[in-house]
Amino acid sequence: MQSQDLLPEVKALSLDLWGTLIRSHPDFKPARTRMLGQAFGIDSARDAQADAAFRSADRQADDDAERLGADVGFVPRVLAMHASAVAAGLSSAPAPDAASLAALEAVQSEHVTRFPPQPFSDAVPGLLLALGDLLPLAVTSNTGMLGGATMRRALAANGLLPAFRVLVFSNECGAAKPSPAIFSATVGALAAVAPQQLGNPAADHPLTPAQILHVGDNPLADIAGAKTSGLAAAHVNVEGATHIDQLLSAVLTQARARLGARA
């Protein structure tokens, strides 16, 4: 992607996390599968089957979140994973109670500390920090199994957190992409910080949704959701033609050129 492909008036950037900036550590999901398997009384020899059942339930929860525009967090996902394991004949254990669910979430948090998400490339942290010096950056993320508090620690662990002025997580704002409500939260928060960073008085130069570029990998949640809310949108696909490194580099080049022209 070349810089001229992007809108020239982009003054702030919103970024999805999973599948866009970061991916799971290769040891994280196996550790979580073992954790849930033990909790549900599943024989470790059937971990592969358990993993398939858990992933199916997780994907369905993602679909539900997108369809409803509402967060589907750790508790309903774990209960759905238990039900999926029971339906597959892998478990006959009762569903975990509130105390057990809290304990499982605490263990999962420890797994995140041991196996934090990884940027898609070594260049991502540096590109984000450079962009964050020029433009206000936001995270706009559906959280799923990992809530905002956990994701802040994970982003800090891999050097991404300092780049962002705004962090909007679905479990904290009560809405999930593609709902306009979560994008509205991002727009409002970016509009509040933009005048200070961009040097424009808020009353004279308010940031508009059309001046915010949202970047994500999900055509429905990210691209359609952002456009419906009036934001510009750019699709990235780590396995396709448009990689996040390319897009961030293009936005950085464009921002430097625009700010240099105004200097």
Protein backbone atom coordinates (compact mmCIF):
# COMPACT_ATOMS: atom_id res chain seq x y z
CA MET A 1 0.00 0.00 0.00
CA GLN A 2 1.33 3.42 -0.98
CA SER A 3 0.77 6.61 0.99
CA GLN A 4 -1.28 8.13 -1.82
CA ASP A 5 -3.86 5.38 -1.34
CA LEU A 6 -4.77 6.86 2.05
CA LEU A 7 -6.96 9.86 2.74
CA PRO A 8 -4.84 13.03 2.95
CA GLU A 9 -6.78 14.44 5.89
CA VAL A 10 -6.24 11.56 8.32
CA LYS A 11 -5.42 13.20 11.64
CA ALA A 12 -5.83 10.25 14.02
CA LEU A 13 -5.50 6.49 13.84
CA SER A 14 -7.62 3.75 15.41
CA LEU A 15 -6.25 0.22 15.41
CA ASP A 16 -7.67 -3.22 16.01
CA LEU A 17 -5.42 -5.55 18.00
CA TRP A 18 -5.96 -9.26 17.30
CA GLY A 19 -5.14 -10.22 13.73
CA THR A 20 -3.99 -6.69 12.98
CA LEU A 21 -1.17 -5.70 15.34
CA ILE A 22 -0.75 -8.83 17.45
CA ARG A 23 -1.19 -12.59 17.47
CA SER A 24 -1.23 -15.15 20.24
CA HIS A 25 2.02 -16.46 21.63
CA PRO A 26 2.36 -20.04 20.26
CA ASP A 27 2.33 -21.47 23.79
CA PHE A 28 -0.65 -19.50 25.08
CA LYS A 29 -3.62 -21.37 23.63
CA PRO A 30 -2.19 -24.83 24.38
CA ALA A 31 -1.71 -23.72 28.00
CA ARG A 32 -5.29 -22.43 28.13
CA THR A 33 -6.61 -25.65 26.59
CA ARG A 34 -4.84 -27.68 29.28
CA MET A 35 -6.21 -25.35 31.97
CA LEU A 36 -9.80 -25.72 30.76
CA GLY A 37 -9.40 -29.42 30.10
CA GLN A 38 -8.30 -30.02 33.67
CA ALA A 39 -11.17 -27.90 34.98
CA PHE A 40 -13.68 -29.88 32.91
CA GLY A 41 -12.18 -33.28 33.74
CA ILE A 42 -11.03 -34.02 30.19
CA ASP A 43 -8.36 -36.65 29.72
CA SER A 44 -5.13 -34.96 28.56
CA ALA A 45 -4.89 -37.55 25.78
CA ARG A 46 -7.89 -35.83 24.22
CA ASP A 47 -6.40 -32.31 24.27
CA ALA A 48 -6.62 -32.01 20.49
CA GLN A 49 -10.34 -32.77 20.52
CA ALA A 50 -10.83 -30.42 23.45
CA ASP A 51 -8.99 -27.67 21.62
CA ALA A 52 -11.26 -28.09 18.60
CA ALA A 53 -14.37 -27.91 20.80
CA PHE A 54 -13.09 -24.82 22.61
CA ARG A 55 -12.14 -23.03 19.40
CA SER A 56 -15.55 -23.76 17.89
CA ALA A 57 -17.27 -22.22 20.91
CA ASP A 58 -14.92 -19.24 20.84
CA ARG A 59 -15.60 -18.59 17.15
CA GLN A 60 -19.34 -18.75 17.79
CA ALA A 61 -18.93 -16.21 20.59
CA ASP A 62 -17.04 -13.92 18.20
CA ASP A 63 -19.89 -14.26 15.69
CA ASP A 64 -22.45 -13.50 18.42
CA ALA A 65 -20.52 -10.40 19.51
CA GLU A 66 -20.44 -9.10 15.95
CA ARG A 67 -24.10 -9.94 15.34
CA LEU A 68 -25.29 -8.32 18.57
CA GLY A 69 -22.73 -5.52 18.76
CA ALA A 70 -22.25 -6.52 22.40
CA ASP A 71 -19.26 -7.86 24.31
CA VAL A 72 -19.15 -11.61 24.93
CA GLY A 73 -16.51 -11.99 27.60
CA PHE A 74 -14.63 -14.60 29.56
CA VAL A 75 -17.50 -16.06 31.63
CA PRO A 76 -20.00 -16.74 28.82
CA ARG A 77 -17.21 -18.03 26.60
CA VAL A 78 -15.95 -20.50 29.20
CA LEU A 79 -19.48 -21.70 29.86
CA ALA A 80 -19.97 -22.15 26.11
CA MET A 81 -16.68 -24.06 25.89
CA HIS A 82 -17.83 -26.34 28.70
CA ALA A 83 -21.13 -26.96 26.93
CA SER A 84 -19.25 -27.69 23.70
CA ALA A 85 -17.02 -30.21 25.49
CA VAL A 86 -20.04 -31.90 27.06
CA ALA A 87 -21.84 -32.05 23.69
CA ALA A 88 -18.73 -33.64 22.13
CA GLY A 89 -18.68 -36.32 24.81
CA LEU A 90 -15.39 -35.04 26.24
CA SER A 91 -16.68 -34.03 29.66
CA SER A 92 -19.37 -34.99 32.12
CA ALA A 93 -18.32 -32.45 34.76
CA PRO A 94 -20.82 -29.83 35.92
CA ALA A 95 -20.48 -26.30 34.59
CA PRO A 96 -18.01 -24.21 36.62
CA ASP A 97 -19.53 -22.01 39.30
CA ALA A 98 -18.71 -18.34 39.92
CA ALA A 99 -15.75 -19.09 42.18
CA SER A 100 -14.30 -21.58 39.70
CA LEU A 101 -14.72 -19.12 36.85
CA ALA A 102 -12.89 -16.42 38.80
CA ALA A 103 -10.06 -18.84 39.56
CA LEU A 104 -9.80 -19.84 35.89
CA GLU A 105 -9.64 -16.21 34.80
CA ALA A 106 -6.83 -15.60 37.29
CA VAL A 107 -4.86 -18.57 35.92
CA GLN A 108 -5.44 -17.34 32.37
CA SER A 109 -4.04 -13.96 33.41
CA GLU A 110 -0.89 -15.73 34.61
CA HIS A 111 -0.63 -17.47 31.23
CA VAL A 112 -0.80 -14.07 29.49
CA THR A 113 2.07 -12.85 31.65
CA ARG A 114 4.13 -15.94 30.77
CA PHE A 115 3.11 -16.00 27.11
CA PRO A 116 2.19 -12.44 26.06
CA PRO A 117 0.77 -11.73 22.60
CA GLN A 118 3.37 -11.03 19.94
CA PRO A 119 3.48 -8.19 17.39
CA PHE A 120 3.21 -9.43 13.83
CA SER A 121 6.70 -8.11 13.18
CA ASP A 122 9.59 -6.55 15.07
CA ALA A 123 8.92 -3.30 13.21
CA VAL A 124 5.45 -2.74 14.68
CA PRO A 125 6.45 -1.23 18.07
CA GLY A 126 8.84 1.28 16.49
CA LEU A 127 6.36 2.28 13.80
CA LEU A 128 3.63 2.83 16.37
CA LEU A 129 5.89 4.90 18.63
CA ALA A 130 6.91 7.08 15.67
CA LEU A 131 3.29 7.54 14.64
CA GLY A 132 2.25 8.25 18.21
CA ASP A 133 4.64 11.21 18.26
CA LEU A 134 2.77 12.74 15.31
CA LEU A 135 -0.85 11.60 15.57
CA PRO A 136 -3.16 10.51 18.39
CA LEU A 137 -3.48 6.73 18.29
CA ALA A 138 -6.30 4.59 19.69
CA VAL A 139 -6.91 0.91 20.24
CA THR A 140 -10.48 -0.14 19.35
CA SER A 141 -10.71 -3.80 20.27
CA ASN A 142 -13.21 -6.56 20.87
CA THR A 143 -11.69 -8.31 23.86
CA GLY A 144 -13.25 -11.78 23.99
CA MET A 145 -11.48 -13.96 26.55
CA LEU A 146 -8.95 -11.27 27.52
CA GLY A 147 -10.43 -8.12 29.02
CA GLY A 148 -9.04 -4.60 28.91
CA ALA A 149 -7.08 -4.82 32.16
CA THR A 150 -5.25 -7.92 30.94
CA MET A 151 -4.65 -6.42 27.51
CA ARG A 152 -3.06 -3.31 28.99
CA ARG A 153 -0.50 -5.53 30.72
CA ALA A 154 0.04 -7.51 27.54
CA LEU A 155 0.57 -4.37 25.46
CA ALA A 156 3.02 -3.04 28.03
CA ALA A 157 4.94 -6.33 27.96
CA ASN A 158 5.57 -6.15 24.23
CA GLY A 159 6.31 -2.42 24.04
CA LEU A 160 3.10 -1.30 22.34
CA LEU A 161 1.29 0.48 25.17
CA PRO A 162 3.25 3.79 25.21
CA ALA A 163 2.21 4.59 21.63
CA PHE A 164 -1.49 4.87 22.45
CA ARG A 165 -3.32 7.88 23.88
CA VAL A 166 -6.71 6.11 23.84
CA LEU A 167 -7.67 2.53 24.72
CA VAL A 168 -11.24 1.38 24.01
CA PHE A 169 -12.06 -2.22 24.89
CA SER A 170 -15.43 -3.86 24.34
CA ASN A 171 -15.70 -5.29 27.86
CA GLU A 172 -15.21 -1.80 29.31
CA CYS A 173 -17.43 0.25 27.01
CA GLY A 174 -20.23 -2.34 26.84
CA ALA A 175 -20.35 -2.53 23.05
CA ALA A 176 -18.44 -4.54 20.45
CA LYS A 177 -17.48 -3.88 16.86
CA PRO A 178 -19.23 -3.37 14.49
CA SER A 179 -21.58 -1.46 16.82
CA PRO A 180 -21.46 2.32 16.29
CA ALA A 181 -21.31 2.68 20.08
CA ILE A 182 -17.73 1.42 20.37
CA PHE A 183 -16.55 3.57 17.47
CA SER A 184 -18.33 6.55 19.00
CA ALA A 185 -16.36 5.96 22.20
CA THR A 186 -13.13 5.99 20.20
CA VAL A 187 -14.07 9.13 18.28
CA GLY A 188 -15.00 10.97 21.45
CA ALA A 189 -11.80 10.00 23.24
CA LEU A 190 -9.59 10.88 20.26
CA ALA A 191 -11.38 14.21 19.83
CA ALA A 192 -10.58 14.99 23.47
CA VAL A 193 -6.83 14.38 23.12
CA ALA A 194 -6.30 15.55 19.52
CA PRO A 195 -6.19 19.32 20.14
CA GLN A 196 -3.30 19.00 22.58
CA GLN A 197 -1.29 16.69 20.33
CA LEU A 198 -2.09 18.32 17.01
CA GLY A 199 -1.86 21.86 18.33
CA ASN A 200 -5.35 22.89 17.26
CA PRO A 201 -7.86 24.56 19.59
CA ALA A 202 -10.76 22.13 20.00
CA ALA A 203 -13.36 24.80 19.35
CA ASP A 204 -11.78 25.86 16.07
CA HIS A 205 -10.65 22.53 14.66
CA PRO A 206 -12.68 19.67 16.14
CA LEU A 207 -11.64 16.21 15.04
CA THR A 208 -14.31 14.56 12.89
CA PRO A 209 -14.91 10.83 12.35
CA ALA A 210 -13.90 11.19 8.70
CA GLN A 211 -10.43 12.31 9.80
CA ILE A 212 -9.87 9.08 11.75
CA LEU A 213 -8.53 6.05 9.93
CA HIS A 214 -9.49 2.72 11.52
CA VAL A 215 -7.27 -0.22 10.61
CA GLY A 216 -8.31 -3.83 11.07
CA ASP A 217 -8.41 -7.33 9.65
CA ASN A 218 -12.13 -8.10 10.00
CA PRO A 219 -14.23 -6.99 7.01
CA LEU A 220 -17.43 -6.81 9.07
CA ALA A 221 -16.34 -5.69 12.54
CA ASP A 222 -13.55 -3.37 11.46
CA ILE A 223 -14.16 -2.17 7.93
CA ALA A 224 -17.95 -2.10 7.64
CA GLY A 225 -18.27 -1.06 11.29
CA ALA A 226 -15.90 1.87 10.94
CA LYS A 227 -17.40 3.08 7.67
CA THR A 228 -20.94 2.90 9.06
CA SER A 229 -19.75 5.14 11.90
CA GLY A 230 -18.26 7.66 9.48
CA LEU A 231 -14.60 6.74 9.90
CA ALA A 232 -12.19 6.00 7.10
CA ALA A 233 -11.13 2.35 7.08
CA ALA A 234 -8.21 0.28 5.83
CA HIS A 235 -8.16 -3.50 5.69
CA VAL A 236 -5.00 -5.43 6.49
CA ASN A 237 -4.37 -9.11 5.98
CA VAL A 238 -1.14 -10.63 7.25
CA GLU A 239 -1.50 -13.45 4.73
CA GLY A 240 -2.46 -11.17 1.85
CA ALA A 241 -1.18 -8.16 -0.04
CA THR A 242 -1.59 -5.51 2.64
CA HIS A 243 0.54 -6.11 5.72
CA ILE A 244 0.34 -3.94 8.83
CA ASP A 245 3.98 -2.85 8.40
CA GLN A 246 3.20 -1.47 4.96
CA LEU A 247 0.16 0.42 6.12
CA LEU A 248 1.79 1.93 9.21
CA SER A 249 4.81 2.98 7.14
CA ALA A 250 2.52 4.62 4.59
CA VAL A 251 0.59 6.55 7.24
CA LEU A 252 3.86 7.61 8.88
CA THR A 253 5.29 8.87 5.59
CA GLN A 254 2.09 10.79 4.89
CA ALA A 255 1.95 12.33 8.37
CA ARG A 256 5.57 13.46 8.20
CA ALA A 257 5.02 14.99 4.78
CA ARG A 258 1.91 16.86 5.89
CA LEU A 259 3.46 18.17 9.10
CA GLY A 260 6.67 19.08 7.29
CA ALA A 261 4.74 21.06 4.72
CA ARG A 262 3.07 23.05 7.50
CA ALA A 263 6.29 23.72 9.42
